[in-house]
Amino acid sequence: MKVKYNPDIHHRKSIRIPEYDYGQPGYYFVTLNVQNRDCLFGEIKDSKIELTDIGEIIKYHWSKLPLYFKNIELDDYVIMPDLHGIIRIVRAMHSNENIVFDKKHIENASPIQPTGTQPGSVAAIIQNFKSVTARKINHILKRSNHRLWQRNYWERVIRDEVELQKIRKYISENPLNWSEC
């Protein structure tokens, strides 16, 4: 049963740092979860992920993000029942700078610039990725208006090299901790 949102009862506390510019250069750790924690992307076997066809689509679109957001580089990531990844923003985008969209690479799932979101920011990148992959996968699975991803995502500003190395280790070892899929 779906519970109707009531702002007097349901309080979503933002994990974001107040007044922090999530479009400025730096490393950002993000986690995206599948709706209902469904195991659509693959299975963990012998402590390694074996991606499904849907998982391969997720991997493909994740790897193509730097083609569309020219201000980023991807660092370590792992696709499991969820997605953990490090995005490095190498330079801030200006509001009048266009994101590069190449339709031949996105196969009927054109990226969009999210309304009201700072171009090139972590939020714009994740909103775009979630939108493109949800449309593509829902099209393949012949389902409409199905929610692929949980509503938000988790992010963390990586503050130094020590933290970056710890998160890289977490990403590489994460499949060892999964047994549900």
C-alpha atoms as a PDB file:
ATOM      1  CA  MET A   1       0.000   0.000   0.000  1.00  0.00           C
ATOM      2  CA  LYS A   2       1.375   3.382  -0.981  1.00  0.00           C
ATOM      3  CA  VAL A   3       1.360   6.006   1.759  1.00  0.00           C
ATOM      4  CA  LYS A   4       0.455   9.526   0.687  1.00  0.00           C
ATOM      5  CA  TYR A   5       3.160  12.097   1.413  1.00  0.00           C
ATOM      6  CA  ASN A   6       2.324  14.349   4.331  1.00  0.00           C
ATOM      7  CA  PRO A   7       4.931  17.089   5.030  1.00  0.00           C
ATOM      8  CA  ASP A   8       3.822  17.279   8.685  1.00  0.00           C
ATOM      9  CA  ILE A   9       4.701  13.601   9.209  1.00  0.00           C
ATOM     10  CA  HIS A  10       7.291  12.766   6.561  1.00  0.00           C
ATOM     11  CA  HIS A  11      10.455  14.759   6.915  1.00  0.00           C
ATOM     12  CA  ARG A  12      13.243  14.229   4.407  1.00  0.00           C
ATOM     13  CA  LYS A  13      16.444  15.552   5.838  1.00  0.00           C
ATOM     14  CA  SER A  14      18.953  16.547   3.211  1.00  0.00           C
ATOM     15  CA  ILE A  15      22.388  14.968   3.501  1.00  0.00           C
ATOM     16  CA  ARG A  16      23.887  17.710   1.367  1.00  0.00           C
ATOM     17  CA  ILE A  17      26.280  20.245   2.824  1.00  0.00           C
ATOM     18  CA  PRO A  18      24.433  23.582   3.111  1.00  0.00           C
ATOM     19  CA  GLU A  19      25.709  26.229   0.678  1.00  0.00           C
ATOM     20  CA  TYR A  20      28.174  23.754  -0.901  1.00  0.00           C
ATOM     21  CA  ASP A  21      28.560  23.986  -4.683  1.00  0.00           C
ATOM     22  CA  TYR A  22      28.177  20.421  -5.998  1.00  0.00           C
ATOM     23  CA  GLY A  23      29.290  21.608  -9.421  1.00  0.00           C
ATOM     24  CA  GLN A  24      32.756  22.650  -8.308  1.00  0.00           C
ATOM     25  CA  PRO A  25      35.830  20.543  -9.078  1.00  0.00           C
ATOM     26  CA  GLY A  26      36.373  17.592  -6.783  1.00  0.00           C
ATOM     27  CA  TYR A  27      35.632  13.928  -6.204  1.00  0.00           C
ATOM     28  CA  TYR A  28      32.106  12.792  -5.333  1.00  0.00           C
ATOM     29  CA  PHE A  29      31.025   9.334  -4.184  1.00  0.00           C
ATOM     30  CA  VAL A  30      27.492   8.396  -5.210  1.00  0.00           C
ATOM     31  CA  THR A  31      25.234   5.425  -4.576  1.00  0.00           C
ATOM     32  CA  LEU A  32      22.093   4.781  -6.611  1.00  0.00           C
ATOM     33  CA  ASN A  33      19.643   2.104  -5.489  1.00  0.00           C
ATOM     34  CA  VAL A  34      17.152   0.198  -7.575  1.00  0.00           C
ATOM     35  CA  GLN A  35      13.513   0.594  -6.574  1.00  0.00           C
ATOM     36  CA  ASN A  36      12.546  -2.082  -4.033  1.00  0.00           C
ATOM     37  CA  ARG A  37      16.166  -3.310  -4.123  1.00  0.00           C
ATOM     38  CA  ASP A  38      15.259  -5.556  -7.077  1.00  0.00           C
ATOM     39  CA  CYS A  39      18.220  -7.552  -8.373  1.00  0.00           C
ATOM     40  CA  LEU A  40      17.969  -6.447 -12.006  1.00  0.00           C
ATOM     41  CA  PHE A  41      21.612  -5.745 -12.755  1.00  0.00           C
ATOM     42  CA  GLY A  42      23.270  -9.027 -11.926  1.00  0.00           C
ATOM     43  CA  GLU A  43      24.190 -11.677  -9.435  1.00  0.00           C
ATOM     44  CA  ILE A  44      27.114 -11.997  -7.090  1.00  0.00           C
ATOM     45  CA  LYS A  45      28.912 -15.285  -7.776  1.00  0.00           C
ATOM     46  CA  ASP A  46      32.225 -16.178  -6.176  1.00  0.00           C
ATOM     47  CA  SER A  47      32.431 -12.640  -4.788  1.00  0.00           C
ATOM     48  CA  LYS A  48      32.174 -11.117  -8.278  1.00  0.00           C
ATOM     49  CA  ILE A  49      29.281  -9.529 -10.089  1.00  0.00           C
ATOM     50  CA  GLU A  50      27.939 -11.181 -13.210  1.00  0.00           C
ATOM     51  CA  LEU A  51      25.924  -8.529 -14.992  1.00  0.00           C
ATOM     52  CA  THR A  52      22.629  -9.243 -16.692  1.00  0.00           C
ATOM     53  CA  ASP A  53      21.779  -7.593 -20.010  1.00  0.00           C
ATOM     54  CA  ILE A  54      20.153  -4.807 -18.007  1.00  0.00           C
ATOM     55  CA  GLY A  55      23.300  -4.486 -15.912  1.00  0.00           C
ATOM     56  CA  GLU A  56      25.309  -4.162 -19.115  1.00  0.00           C
ATOM     57  CA  ILE A  57      23.039  -1.293 -20.197  1.00  0.00           C
ATOM     58  CA  ILE A  58      23.676   0.434 -16.877  1.00  0.00           C
ATOM     59  CA  LYS A  59      27.426  -0.077 -17.312  1.00  0.00           C
ATOM     60  CA  TYR A  60      27.318   1.238 -20.882  1.00  0.00           C
ATOM     61  CA  HIS A  61      25.466   4.435 -19.975  1.00  0.00           C
ATOM     62  CA  TRP A  62      27.586   5.043 -16.880  1.00  0.00           C
ATOM     63  CA  SER A  63      30.764   4.730 -18.926  1.00  0.00           C
ATOM     64  CA  LYS A  64      29.424   7.205 -21.511  1.00  0.00           C
ATOM     65  CA  LEU A  65      28.717  10.013 -19.026  1.00  0.00           C
ATOM     66  CA  PRO A  66      32.006  11.846 -19.805  1.00  0.00           C
ATOM     67  CA  LEU A  67      30.929  12.065 -23.452  1.00  0.00           C
ATOM     68  CA  TYR A  68      27.949  14.189 -22.459  1.00  0.00           C
ATOM     69  CA  PHE A  69      29.345  15.971 -19.428  1.00  0.00           C
ATOM     70  CA  LYS A  70      32.691  17.201 -20.715  1.00  0.00           C
ATOM     71  CA  ASN A  71      33.593  18.497 -17.257  1.00  0.00           C
ATOM     72  CA  ILE A  72      33.818  15.074 -15.579  1.00  0.00           C
ATOM     73  CA  GLU A  73      35.906  11.942 -15.373  1.00  0.00           C
ATOM     74  CA  LEU A  74      34.760   8.647 -13.923  1.00  0.00           C
ATOM     75  CA  ASP A  75      36.809   6.927 -11.274  1.00  0.00           C
ATOM     76  CA  ASP A  76      36.145   3.513  -9.710  1.00  0.00           C
ATOM     77  CA  TYR A  77      32.615   2.128  -9.754  1.00  0.00           C
ATOM     78  CA  VAL A  78      30.768  -1.132  -9.286  1.00  0.00           C
ATOM     79  CA  ILE A  79      27.376  -2.189 -10.558  1.00  0.00           C
ATOM     80  CA  MET A  80      25.651  -4.728  -8.349  1.00  0.00           C
ATOM     81  CA  PRO A  81      22.101  -4.721  -7.143  1.00  0.00           C
ATOM     82  CA  ASP A  82      22.885  -1.007  -6.840  1.00  0.00           C
ATOM     83  CA  LEU A  83      25.537   1.300  -8.283  1.00  0.00           C
ATOM     84  CA  HIS A  84      28.446   2.805  -6.358  1.00  0.00           C
ATOM     85  CA  GLY A  85      30.706   5.203  -8.212  1.00  0.00           C
ATOM     86  CA  ILE A  86      33.137   8.052  -7.934  1.00  0.00           C
ATOM     87  CA  ILE A  87      32.672  11.042 -10.212  1.00  0.00           C
ATOM     88  CA  ARG A  88      35.421  13.605 -10.551  1.00  0.00           C
ATOM     89  CA  ILE A  89      34.354  17.047 -11.645  1.00  0.00           C
ATOM     90  CA  VAL A  90      37.489  18.440 -13.245  1.00  0.00           C
ATOM     91  CA  ARG A  91      36.122  21.916 -13.933  1.00  0.00           C
ATOM     92  CA  ALA A  92      32.947  23.827 -13.233  1.00  0.00           C
ATOM     93  CA  MET A  93      30.502  24.293 -16.085  1.00  0.00           C
ATOM     94  CA  HIS A  94      29.160  27.703 -16.891  1.00  0.00           C
ATOM     95  CA  SER A  95      25.403  28.151 -17.112  1.00  0.00           C
ATOM     96  CA  ASN A  96      25.640  29.057 -20.800  1.00  0.00           C
ATOM     97  CA  GLU A  97      27.799  26.030 -21.653  1.00  0.00           C
ATOM     98  CA  ASN A  98      26.028  23.278 -23.506  1.00  0.00           C
ATOM     99  CA  ILE A  99      26.205  19.647 -22.519  1.00  0.00           C
ATOM    100  CA  VAL A 100      27.259  17.567 -25.508  1.00  0.00           C
ATOM    101  CA  PHE A 101      24.589  15.139 -26.619  1.00  0.00           C
ATOM    102  CA  ASP A 102      25.427  12.633 -29.319  1.00  0.00           C
ATOM    103  CA  LYS A 103      22.286  10.687 -30.251  1.00  0.00           C
ATOM    104  CA  LYS A 104      24.136   7.894 -32.001  1.00  0.00           C
ATOM    105  CA  HIS A 105      25.689   6.893 -28.668  1.00  0.00           C
ATOM    106  CA  ILE A 106      22.521   6.953 -26.633  1.00  0.00           C
ATOM    107  CA  GLU A 107      20.203   4.895 -28.794  1.00  0.00           C
ATOM    108  CA  ASN A 108      16.824   6.588 -28.428  1.00  0.00           C
ATOM    109  CA  ALA A 109      17.470   7.730 -24.870  1.00  0.00           C
ATOM    110  CA  SER A 110      18.553  11.336 -25.284  1.00  0.00           C
ATOM    111  CA  PRO A 111      20.043  12.982 -22.206  1.00  0.00           C
ATOM    112  CA  ILE A 112      18.277  16.060 -20.953  1.00  0.00           C
ATOM    113  CA  GLN A 113      19.401  18.956 -18.811  1.00  0.00           C
ATOM    114  CA  PRO A 114      17.263  18.683 -15.665  1.00  0.00           C
ATOM    115  CA  THR A 115      15.139  21.764 -15.052  1.00  0.00           C
ATOM    116  CA  GLY A 116      16.338  23.939 -12.203  1.00  0.00           C
ATOM    117  CA  THR A 117      19.573  22.022 -11.731  1.00  0.00           C
ATOM    118  CA  GLN A 118      23.016  23.562 -12.021  1.00  0.00           C
ATOM    119  CA  PRO A 119      24.561  22.365 -15.306  1.00  0.00           C
ATOM    120  CA  GLY A 120      27.388  19.906 -14.786  1.00  0.00           C
ATOM    121  CA  SER A 121      26.659  19.406 -11.089  1.00  0.00           C
ATOM    122  CA  VAL A 122      26.449  16.020  -9.397  1.00  0.00           C
ATOM    123  CA  ALA A 123      22.657  16.391  -9.286  1.00  0.00           C
ATOM    124  CA  ALA A 124      22.436  17.115 -13.029  1.00  0.00           C
ATOM    125  CA  ILE A 125      24.673  14.154 -13.859  1.00  0.00           C
ATOM    126  CA  ILE A 126      22.751  11.700 -11.672  1.00  0.00           C
ATOM    127  CA  GLN A 127      19.301  12.960 -12.717  1.00  0.00           C
ATOM    128  CA  ASN A 128      20.326  12.617 -16.324  1.00  0.00           C
ATOM    129  CA  PHE A 129      21.779   9.124 -15.875  1.00  0.00           C
ATOM    130  CA  LYS A 130      18.743   7.869 -13.985  1.00  0.00           C
ATOM    131  CA  SER A 131      16.336   9.299 -16.560  1.00  0.00           C
ATOM    132  CA  VAL A 132      18.167   7.894 -19.575  1.00  0.00           C
ATOM    133  CA  THR A 133      18.633   4.420 -18.088  1.00  0.00           C
ATOM    134  CA  ALA A 134      15.072   4.193 -16.772  1.00  0.00           C
ATOM    135  CA  ARG A 135      13.605   5.097 -20.162  1.00  0.00           C
ATOM    136  CA  LYS A 136      15.901   2.673 -21.982  1.00  0.00           C
ATOM    137  CA  ILE A 137      15.272  -0.256 -19.633  1.00  0.00           C
ATOM    138  CA  ASN A 138      11.533   0.355 -19.398  1.00  0.00           C
ATOM    139  CA  HIS A 139      11.417   0.375 -23.204  1.00  0.00           C
ATOM    140  CA  ILE A 140      13.301  -2.935 -23.394  1.00  0.00           C
ATOM    141  CA  LEU A 141      11.141  -4.531 -20.701  1.00  0.00           C
ATOM    142  CA  LYS A 142       8.009  -3.150 -22.385  1.00  0.00           C
ATOM    143  CA  ARG A 143       6.735  -1.400 -19.305  1.00  0.00           C
ATOM    144  CA  SER A 144       5.679   2.198 -19.006  1.00  0.00           C
ATOM    145  CA  ASN A 145       6.068   4.598 -16.117  1.00  0.00           C
ATOM    146  CA  HIS A 146       7.791   1.970 -14.004  1.00  0.00           C
ATOM    147  CA  ARG A 147      10.192   3.363 -11.454  1.00  0.00           C
ATOM    148  CA  LEU A 148      13.625   1.808 -11.955  1.00  0.00           C
ATOM    149  CA  TRP A 149      15.529   3.830  -9.375  1.00  0.00           C
ATOM    150  CA  GLN A 150      14.736   4.838  -5.816  1.00  0.00           C
ATOM    151  CA  ARG A 151      13.693   8.458  -5.563  1.00  0.00           C
ATOM    152  CA  ASN A 152      16.963  10.060  -4.567  1.00  0.00           C
ATOM    153  CA  TYR A 153      20.574   8.988  -4.341  1.00  0.00           C
ATOM    154  CA  TRP A 154      23.298   9.105  -1.749  1.00  0.00           C
ATOM    155  CA  GLU A 155      26.331  11.322  -2.272  1.00  0.00           C
ATOM    156  CA  ARG A 156      29.439  12.272  -0.388  1.00  0.00           C
ATOM    157  CA  VAL A 157      32.025  14.927  -1.082  1.00  0.00           C
ATOM    158  CA  ILE A 158      35.419  13.223  -0.926  1.00  0.00           C
ATOM    159  CA  ARG A 159      37.629  15.576   1.034  1.00  0.00           C
ATOM    160  CA  ASP A 160      41.141  14.134   0.713  1.00  0.00           C
ATOM    161  CA  GLU A 161      43.333  11.394  -0.757  1.00  0.00           C
ATOM    162  CA  VAL A 162      42.965   9.127   2.298  1.00  0.00           C
ATOM    163  CA  GLU A 163      39.183   9.198   2.002  1.00  0.00           C
ATOM    164  CA  LEU A 164      39.404   8.652  -1.769  1.00  0.00           C
ATOM    165  CA  GLN A 165      41.511   5.514  -1.231  1.00  0.00           C
ATOM    166  CA  LYS A 166      39.099   4.182   1.440  1.00  0.00           C
ATOM    167  CA  ILE A 167      36.136   4.662  -0.890  1.00  0.00           C
ATOM    168  CA  ARG A 168      37.962   2.990  -3.783  1.00  0.00           C
ATOM    169  CA  LYS A 169      38.641   0.022  -1.491  1.00  0.00           C
ATOM    170  CA  TYR A 170      34.995  -0.034  -0.393  1.00  0.00           C
ATOM    171  CA  ILE A 171      33.868  -0.099  -4.032  1.00  0.00           C
ATOM    172  CA  SER A 172      36.259  -2.891  -5.001  1.00  0.00           C
ATOM    173  CA  GLU A 173      35.354  -5.033  -1.983  1.00  0.00           C
ATOM    174  CA  ASN A 174      31.618  -4.362  -1.947  1.00  0.00           C
ATOM    175  CA  PRO A 175      30.630  -7.481  -3.947  1.00  0.00           C
ATOM    176  CA  LEU A 176      32.177  -9.589  -1.138  1.00  0.00           C
ATOM    177  CA  ASN A 177      29.484  -8.269   1.208  1.00  0.00           C
ATOM    178  CA  TRP A 178      26.473  -9.207  -0.921  1.00  0.00           C
ATOM    179  CA  SER A 179      24.639 -12.476  -0.755  1.00  0.00           C
ATOM    180  CA  GLU A 180      21.020 -11.526  -1.573  1.00  0.00           C
ATOM    181  CA  CYS A 181      21.309 -11.680  -5.373  1.00  0.00           C
END
